[in-house]
Amino acid sequence: MNTHRTLFAIIQNRSRSIAAALAVLLAFAFAIAARGEEKPFKVGWSIYPGWMDNALMEMKLEKDRPTFLEQRCKQFGAKVEIVKFKEYIPSVEALAAGKLDACAMTLGEAFSIPTDSGVKVVCILVDDFSNGNDAICVPKGWTWKDLHGKDIMAEEFSVSQYLVWRGLQLNKLPLETISFKNTPGDECSKVFIAGAERGKPVAVATWNPHVLRIKATGKADLLFTSEKIPGEIVDMIVAREDRAKECQNAIKAYIAAHYDVMRYFSDPKTRDKAIRAMTVAAEMKKEDAALFKGMLDATRFYLTPKETAEFMDGADLKEQHNRVREFLKTFKAFKGANPDAYQVEFDSSFVRAAE
């Protein structure tokens, strides 16, 4: 009897050990499966010269080679989904609503949409700054004096309105010099050209390709451009702070793919090919490559992790952060009760990791 009991106990203990081991193995298997089913890090973007890397990192630029994003996602064991938007503001609103994890935007929109909505955001990458892509377009021969008492058409709270605000400041002119007429940036070139044809000239502030199209009429002067305020109109990738903490490897993969594109774009051997690819991705005709190149030439890209990180951590960007917040306060863009406390954080650690 005692022997039988001992054998039974041994068998019972072994069964329990096997069951426990199976439970551990099953839990491990479920963990691996769950990890494989993680949602991808979703990055939204809209067409603009500084954000065309999002298109190129997904393109098969070289035959029989995976895309830059595929290579980097495999390296970091992560998933990244690039989401293209037809219009810019809806992409930023999607981030604020939690439909995206990150989005391409300017500092102004990072303040006025997610931050003003109570969503904490962090800039994980500065792509570039506008170096002539934004301009105040006036009829031939006009000066700042000719704008006194006149309307200037610009999209409210946009970089165009900011450009006018800075132009007035740097020329020591009061804000009351002009009146703003809220006009979508995409409509400004049409309004300017139509006014010139009817003999009713107007002044507008807009961005490329509209600036280049206005200039091509031969009826406009560029009174003030973003080239006069280098480093102020920055294009960034902004992430929801909570999602950034959860998607470290995916962010590393995305930023590594970004610099793969920058190397491809800046290499003389592949630059023309990159520009043609960007032109097509921007939904322009192949013959518009020269026009698109003009837009790229008016964009100051940060081509290496080192120079990007130095700018992101520098005093100039901190000053610009406060200046943009002040601009939006001046024009009553904020709905929140305490905009003085608004902060857009900058985290250069992902960029530095790519060095």
Protein backbone atom coordinates (compact mmCIF):
# COMPACT_ATOMS: atom_id res chain seq x y z
CA MET A 1 0.00 0.00 0.00
CA ASN A 2 2.71 2.48 0.97
CA THR A 3 4.66 1.65 -2.22
CA HIS A 4 1.59 2.23 -4.34
CA ARG A 5 0.96 5.52 -2.57
CA THR A 6 4.57 6.61 -3.17
CA LEU A 7 4.38 5.71 -6.88
CA PHE A 8 1.06 7.52 -7.16
CA ALA A 9 2.54 10.61 -5.49
CA ILE A 10 5.55 10.58 -7.84
CA ILE A 11 3.29 10.27 -10.89
CA GLN A 12 1.02 12.99 -9.53
CA ASN A 13 3.96 15.36 -8.90
CA ARG A 14 5.37 14.69 -12.34
CA SER A 15 1.97 15.39 -13.90
CA ARG A 16 1.80 18.67 -12.04
CA SER A 17 5.32 19.61 -13.16
CA ILE A 18 4.49 18.76 -16.77
CA ALA A 19 1.25 20.76 -16.55
CA ALA A 20 3.11 23.72 -15.06
CA ALA A 21 5.76 23.54 -17.76
CA LEU A 22 3.06 23.36 -20.45
CA ALA A 23 1.35 26.38 -18.92
CA VAL A 24 4.61 28.35 -19.07
CA LEU A 25 5.21 27.30 -22.67
CA LEU A 26 1.65 28.23 -23.65
CA ALA A 27 1.96 31.62 -21.96
CA PHE A 28 5.23 32.20 -23.81
CA ALA A 29 3.63 31.18 -27.11
CA PHE A 30 0.69 33.50 -26.51
CA ALA A 31 3.09 36.35 -25.66
CA ILE A 32 4.97 35.83 -28.93
CA ALA A 33 1.70 35.68 -30.86
CA ALA A 34 0.44 38.82 -29.15
CA ARG A 35 3.70 40.59 -29.94
CA GLY A 36 3.33 39.61 -33.56
CA GLU A 37 -0.16 41.11 -33.60
CA GLU A 38 0.87 44.48 -32.16
CA LYS A 39 -0.64 47.41 -33.97
CA PRO A 40 1.82 49.22 -36.21
CA PHE A 41 3.12 52.69 -35.40
CA LYS A 42 0.92 54.82 -37.65
CA VAL A 43 2.49 57.97 -39.12
CA GLY A 44 0.33 60.40 -41.08
CA TRP A 45 1.62 62.82 -43.70
CA SER A 46 0.42 65.11 -46.47
CA ILE A 47 2.17 66.34 -49.59
CA TYR A 48 4.92 68.90 -48.93
CA PRO A 49 8.61 68.91 -49.99
CA GLY A 50 9.88 68.30 -46.47
CA TRP A 51 7.67 65.26 -45.96
CA MET A 52 8.24 63.36 -49.20
CA ASP A 53 10.60 61.01 -47.36
CA ASN A 54 7.43 59.27 -46.17
CA ALA A 55 6.67 58.29 -49.75
CA LEU A 56 10.22 57.33 -50.69
CA MET A 57 10.83 55.10 -47.67
CA GLU A 58 7.95 52.93 -48.90
CA MET A 59 8.99 52.91 -52.57
CA LYS A 60 10.99 50.17 -54.26
CA LEU A 61 13.68 52.56 -55.42
CA GLU A 62 16.11 49.83 -56.44
CA LYS A 63 15.11 46.67 -58.30
CA ASP A 64 15.22 43.41 -56.31
CA ARG A 65 15.82 45.25 -53.04
CA PRO A 66 13.32 45.76 -50.20
CA THR A 67 12.21 49.28 -49.39
CA PHE A 68 14.08 51.32 -46.81
CA LEU A 69 11.16 50.96 -44.39
CA GLU A 70 10.97 47.19 -44.87
CA GLN A 71 14.68 46.84 -44.16
CA ARG A 72 14.54 48.96 -41.02
CA CYS A 73 11.37 47.36 -39.64
CA LYS A 74 13.02 43.95 -40.02
CA GLN A 75 16.17 45.22 -38.30
CA PHE A 76 14.26 46.59 -35.29
CA GLY A 77 11.52 43.94 -35.18
CA ALA A 78 8.82 46.59 -35.53
CA LYS A 79 5.89 47.61 -37.68
CA VAL A 80 5.36 51.08 -39.14
CA GLU A 81 2.35 52.12 -41.21
CA ILE A 82 2.60 55.26 -43.34
CA VAL A 83 -0.77 56.94 -43.93
CA LYS A 84 -1.07 59.53 -46.69
CA PHE A 85 -3.68 62.28 -46.36
CA LYS A 86 -5.06 64.36 -49.21
CA GLU A 87 -5.27 67.41 -46.95
CA TYR A 88 -2.95 68.63 -44.22
CA ILE A 89 -5.24 69.74 -41.36
CA PRO A 90 -7.29 66.50 -41.32
CA SER A 91 -4.04 64.59 -40.76
CA VAL A 92 -3.21 66.70 -37.69
CA GLU A 93 -6.78 66.35 -36.41
CA ALA A 94 -6.47 62.57 -36.81
CA LEU A 95 -3.46 62.63 -34.47
CA ALA A 96 -5.38 64.67 -31.89
CA ALA A 97 -8.29 62.19 -32.15
CA GLY A 98 -6.00 59.22 -31.51
CA LYS A 99 -6.33 57.77 -35.02
CA LEU A 100 -2.61 58.26 -35.63
CA ASP A 101 0.42 57.77 -33.41
CA ALA A 102 2.49 60.46 -35.14
CA CYS A 103 2.04 63.02 -37.88
CA ALA A 104 4.01 65.43 -40.06
CA MET A 105 3.20 69.01 -39.07
CA THR A 106 4.60 72.44 -38.28
CA LEU A 107 5.16 73.76 -34.77
CA GLY A 108 2.11 76.01 -35.10
CA GLU A 109 -0.28 73.12 -35.71
CA ALA A 110 1.37 71.09 -32.94
CA PHE A 111 0.34 73.90 -30.58
CA SER A 112 -3.05 74.85 -31.98
CA ILE A 113 -4.57 71.41 -32.54
CA PRO A 114 -3.35 68.54 -30.29
CA THR A 115 -1.82 70.66 -27.51
CA ASP A 116 -4.80 73.02 -27.38
CA SER A 117 -7.05 69.92 -27.26
CA GLY A 118 -5.26 68.63 -24.16
CA VAL A 119 -3.17 66.01 -25.98
CA LYS A 120 0.48 65.93 -24.93
CA VAL A 121 2.79 65.66 -27.92
CA VAL A 122 6.52 65.34 -28.50
CA CYS A 123 8.56 66.16 -31.58
CA ILE A 124 10.69 63.11 -32.42
CA LEU A 125 12.23 64.49 -35.61
CA VAL A 126 12.77 67.86 -37.30
CA ASP A 127 12.87 67.26 -41.06
CA ASP A 128 13.73 70.73 -42.34
CA PHE A 129 12.84 74.39 -42.29
CA SER A 130 11.30 76.52 -45.00
CA ASN A 131 14.00 78.54 -46.74
CA GLY A 132 11.92 80.35 -49.35
CA ASN A 133 8.95 78.01 -49.75
CA ASP A 134 6.67 80.54 -48.03
CA ALA A 135 6.25 84.08 -49.31
CA ILE A 136 4.23 87.28 -49.32
CA CYS A 137 3.37 87.92 -52.97
CA VAL A 138 2.49 91.47 -54.04
CA PRO A 139 1.93 93.18 -57.39
CA LYS A 140 5.06 94.31 -59.21
CA GLY A 141 6.69 97.34 -57.60
CA TRP A 142 4.76 97.22 -54.32
CA THR A 143 6.63 97.83 -51.06
CA TRP A 144 5.58 97.54 -47.42
CA LYS A 145 4.29 101.11 -47.67
CA ASP A 146 1.85 100.04 -50.39
CA LEU A 147 0.28 97.54 -47.99
CA HIS A 148 -0.85 100.23 -45.53
CA GLY A 149 -4.59 99.99 -45.02
CA LYS A 150 -4.99 97.07 -47.42
CA ASP A 151 -6.13 93.48 -47.05
CA ILE A 152 -3.67 90.63 -47.29
CA MET A 153 -5.08 87.22 -48.02
CA ALA A 154 -3.66 84.39 -45.93
CA GLU A 155 -4.90 81.28 -44.20
CA GLU A 156 -5.73 82.03 -40.57
CA PHE A 157 -3.27 80.68 -37.95
CA SER A 158 -1.10 79.17 -40.69
CA VAL A 159 2.60 79.67 -41.43
CA SER A 160 1.48 82.24 -44.02
CA GLN A 161 -0.12 84.42 -41.37
CA TYR A 162 2.94 83.87 -39.20
CA LEU A 163 5.17 85.03 -42.08
CA VAL A 164 3.22 88.28 -42.39
CA TRP A 165 3.35 88.79 -38.61
CA ARG A 166 7.15 88.35 -38.63
CA GLY A 167 7.55 90.52 -41.71
CA LEU A 168 5.76 93.37 -39.98
CA GLN A 169 7.86 92.90 -36.83
CA LEU A 170 11.19 92.89 -38.67
CA ASN A 171 10.17 95.95 -40.69
CA LYS A 172 9.06 97.70 -37.47
CA LEU A 173 5.47 98.09 -38.64
CA PRO A 174 2.42 97.77 -36.37
CA LEU A 175 0.05 94.85 -36.87
CA GLU A 176 -2.69 97.36 -37.68
CA THR A 177 -0.83 98.24 -40.90
CA ILE A 178 -2.82 95.59 -42.75
CA SER A 179 -6.02 93.57 -42.39
CA PHE A 180 -6.07 89.80 -42.75
CA LYS A 181 -8.63 88.20 -45.00
CA ASN A 182 -8.85 84.50 -44.18
CA THR A 183 -8.25 82.62 -47.44
CA PRO A 184 -7.19 78.97 -47.87
CA GLY A 185 -3.54 78.80 -48.91
CA ASP A 186 -4.41 76.64 -51.92
CA GLU A 187 -6.74 79.38 -53.19
CA CYS A 188 -4.33 82.30 -52.85
CA SER A 189 -2.56 81.78 -56.19
CA LYS A 190 -5.90 81.67 -58.02
CA VAL A 191 -7.04 84.86 -56.31
CA PHE A 192 -3.77 86.66 -57.04
CA ILE A 193 -3.69 85.67 -60.72
CA ALA A 194 -7.37 86.48 -61.25
CA GLY A 195 -6.91 89.90 -59.62
CA ALA A 196 -3.90 90.67 -61.82
CA GLU A 197 -5.84 89.74 -64.97
CA ARG A 198 -8.79 91.96 -64.01
CA GLY A 199 -6.61 94.92 -63.07
CA LYS A 200 -7.56 94.57 -59.41
CA PRO A 201 -4.26 93.66 -57.75
CA VAL A 202 -4.22 91.94 -54.37
CA ALA A 203 -1.55 90.80 -51.91
CA VAL A 204 -1.40 87.22 -50.68
CA ALA A 205 0.73 85.06 -48.42
CA THR A 206 1.01 81.40 -49.36
CA TRP A 207 3.39 78.49 -49.88
CA ASN A 208 4.82 76.46 -52.74
CA PRO A 209 3.99 75.41 -55.40
CA HIS A 210 1.60 78.40 -55.35
CA VAL A 211 4.43 80.91 -54.84
CA LEU A 212 6.31 79.60 -57.88
CA ARG A 213 3.15 79.70 -59.99
CA ILE A 214 2.44 83.29 -58.96
CA LYS A 215 6.04 84.26 -59.68
CA ALA A 216 5.87 82.60 -63.13
CA THR A 217 3.17 85.10 -64.21
CA GLY A 218 5.76 87.90 -64.23
CA LYS A 219 3.24 90.11 -62.42
CA ALA A 220 4.43 89.60 -58.87
CA ASP A 221 7.23 90.51 -56.49
CA LEU A 222 8.07 88.45 -53.45
CA LEU A 223 7.96 91.08 -50.73
CA PHE A 224 9.08 88.80 -47.90
CA THR A 225 9.97 85.10 -47.82
CA SER A 226 10.86 82.49 -45.23
CA GLU A 227 14.46 82.80 -46.44
CA LYS A 228 14.56 85.97 -44.29
CA ILE A 229 13.72 83.99 -41.14
CA PRO A 230 15.84 80.81 -41.38
CA GLY A 231 15.06 78.09 -38.87
CA GLU A 232 11.69 79.54 -37.89
CA ILE A 233 9.16 77.64 -40.02
CA VAL A 234 10.11 74.08 -39.13
CA ASP A 235 8.59 70.86 -40.44
CA MET A 236 8.48 68.08 -37.88
CA ILE A 237 7.25 64.62 -37.02
CA VAL A 238 5.16 64.94 -33.88
CA ALA A 239 4.01 61.94 -31.83
CA ARG A 240 1.44 61.54 -29.10
CA GLU A 241 3.51 61.33 -25.94
CA ASP A 242 1.75 58.18 -24.69
CA ARG A 243 2.24 56.32 -27.99
CA ALA A 244 5.89 57.34 -28.25
CA LYS A 245 6.62 55.58 -24.96
CA GLU A 246 5.01 52.36 -26.25
CA CYS A 247 6.63 52.26 -29.70
CA GLN A 248 10.35 52.80 -29.15
CA ASN A 249 11.59 50.28 -31.73
CA ALA A 250 9.08 51.39 -34.34
CA ILE A 251 10.21 55.00 -33.97
CA LYS A 252 13.84 53.91 -34.33
CA ALA A 253 12.94 52.02 -37.52
CA TYR A 254 11.03 55.01 -38.93
CA ILE A 255 13.83 57.49 -38.22
CA ALA A 256 16.49 55.15 -39.60
CA ALA A 257 14.43 54.85 -42.82
CA HIS A 258 14.14 58.65 -42.92
CA TYR A 259 17.94 59.02 -42.96
CA ASP A 260 18.19 56.27 -45.59
CA VAL A 261 16.04 58.53 -47.78
CA MET A 262 18.13 61.58 -46.92
CA ARG A 263 21.30 59.78 -48.02
CA TYR A 264 19.62 58.64 -51.22
CA PHE A 265 18.34 62.17 -51.89
CA SER A 266 21.66 63.90 -51.19
CA ASP A 267 23.84 61.41 -53.11
CA PRO A 268 24.70 62.93 -56.55
CA LYS A 269 24.34 59.46 -58.08
CA THR A 270 20.71 59.05 -57.02
CA ARG A 271 19.51 62.64 -56.42
CA ASP A 272 17.77 63.05 -59.80
CA LYS A 273 16.05 59.71 -59.39
CA ALA A 274 14.91 60.74 -55.90
CA ILE A 275 13.51 64.04 -57.22
CA ARG A 276 11.59 62.25 -59.99
CA ALA A 277 10.17 59.82 -57.42
CA MET A 278 9.15 62.70 -55.14
CA THR A 279 7.47 64.50 -58.05
CA VAL A 280 5.33 61.47 -58.86
CA ALA A 281 4.53 60.88 -55.17
CA ALA A 282 3.44 64.53 -54.94
CA GLU A 283 0.84 63.73 -57.62
CA MET A 284 2.54 66.00 -60.14
CA LYS A 285 3.41 65.13 -63.73
CA LYS A 286 6.89 63.86 -64.59
CA GLU A 287 7.51 67.03 -66.57
CA ASP A 288 6.92 69.03 -63.36
CA ALA A 289 10.17 67.69 -61.88
CA ALA A 290 11.84 71.08 -62.46
CA LEU A 291 9.02 72.83 -60.58
CA PHE A 292 9.31 70.36 -57.73
CA LYS A 293 13.08 70.78 -57.67
CA GLY A 294 12.50 74.52 -57.15
CA MET A 295 10.46 73.67 -54.07
CA LEU A 296 13.16 71.35 -52.77
CA ASP A 297 15.78 74.06 -53.33
CA ALA A 298 13.72 76.36 -51.11
CA THR A 299 13.77 73.78 -48.32
CA ARG A 300 16.69 73.45 -45.90
CA PHE A 301 16.87 69.75 -45.04
CA TYR A 302 18.67 68.36 -42.02
CA LEU A 303 20.52 65.57 -43.77
CA THR A 304 22.30 63.88 -40.86
CA PRO A 305 21.30 62.81 -37.35
CA LYS A 306 24.10 64.95 -35.89
CA GLU A 307 22.95 68.28 -37.32
CA THR A 308 19.30 67.41 -36.63
CA ALA A 309 20.00 66.67 -32.97
CA GLU A 310 22.07 69.82 -32.56
CA PHE A 311 19.18 71.92 -33.90
CA MET A 312 16.56 70.08 -31.81
CA ASP A 313 18.58 70.61 -28.63
CA GLY A 314 19.67 74.16 -29.44
CA ALA A 315 18.60 77.50 -27.98
CA ASP A 316 17.24 78.76 -31.33
CA LEU A 317 14.48 76.15 -31.45
CA LYS A 318 13.50 76.84 -27.83
CA GLU A 319 13.20 80.53 -28.69
CA GLN A 320 11.15 79.68 -31.77
CA HIS A 321 8.87 77.46 -29.68
CA ASN A 322 7.95 80.45 -27.50
CA ARG A 323 7.67 82.79 -30.49
CA VAL A 324 5.15 80.56 -32.27
CA ARG A 325 3.10 80.25 -29.09
CA GLU A 326 3.09 84.05 -28.79
CA PHE A 327 1.98 84.41 -32.42
CA LEU A 328 -0.98 82.08 -31.87
CA LYS A 329 -1.91 83.90 -28.67
CA THR A 330 -1.80 87.24 -30.51
CA PHE A 331 -4.35 86.02 -33.04
CA LYS A 332 -6.49 84.26 -30.41
CA ALA A 333 -6.00 80.81 -31.93
CA PHE A 334 -6.17 78.98 -28.58
CA LYS A 335 -9.38 77.81 -26.95
CA GLY A 336 -7.75 76.53 -23.76
CA ALA A 337 -7.71 78.51 -20.53
CA ASN A 338 -3.94 78.69 -19.96
CA PRO A 339 -1.99 78.78 -23.25
CA ASP A 340 1.07 80.25 -21.49
CA ALA A 341 1.61 76.77 -20.05
CA TYR A 342 1.46 75.03 -23.43
CA GLN A 343 4.57 73.07 -24.30
CA VAL A 344 5.56 70.98 -27.29
CA GLU A 345 8.35 68.71 -26.09
CA PHE A 346 11.42 67.86 -28.21
CA ASP A 347 13.09 64.48 -27.83
CA SER A 348 16.28 64.08 -29.86
CA SER A 349 17.15 60.67 -28.40
CA PHE A 350 15.75 58.72 -31.36
CA VAL A 351 17.69 60.90 -33.79
CA ARG A 352 20.88 60.53 -31.76
CA ALA A 353 20.42 56.76 -31.78
CA ALA A 354 20.59 56.88 -35.59
CA GLU A 355 24.07 58.49 -35.62
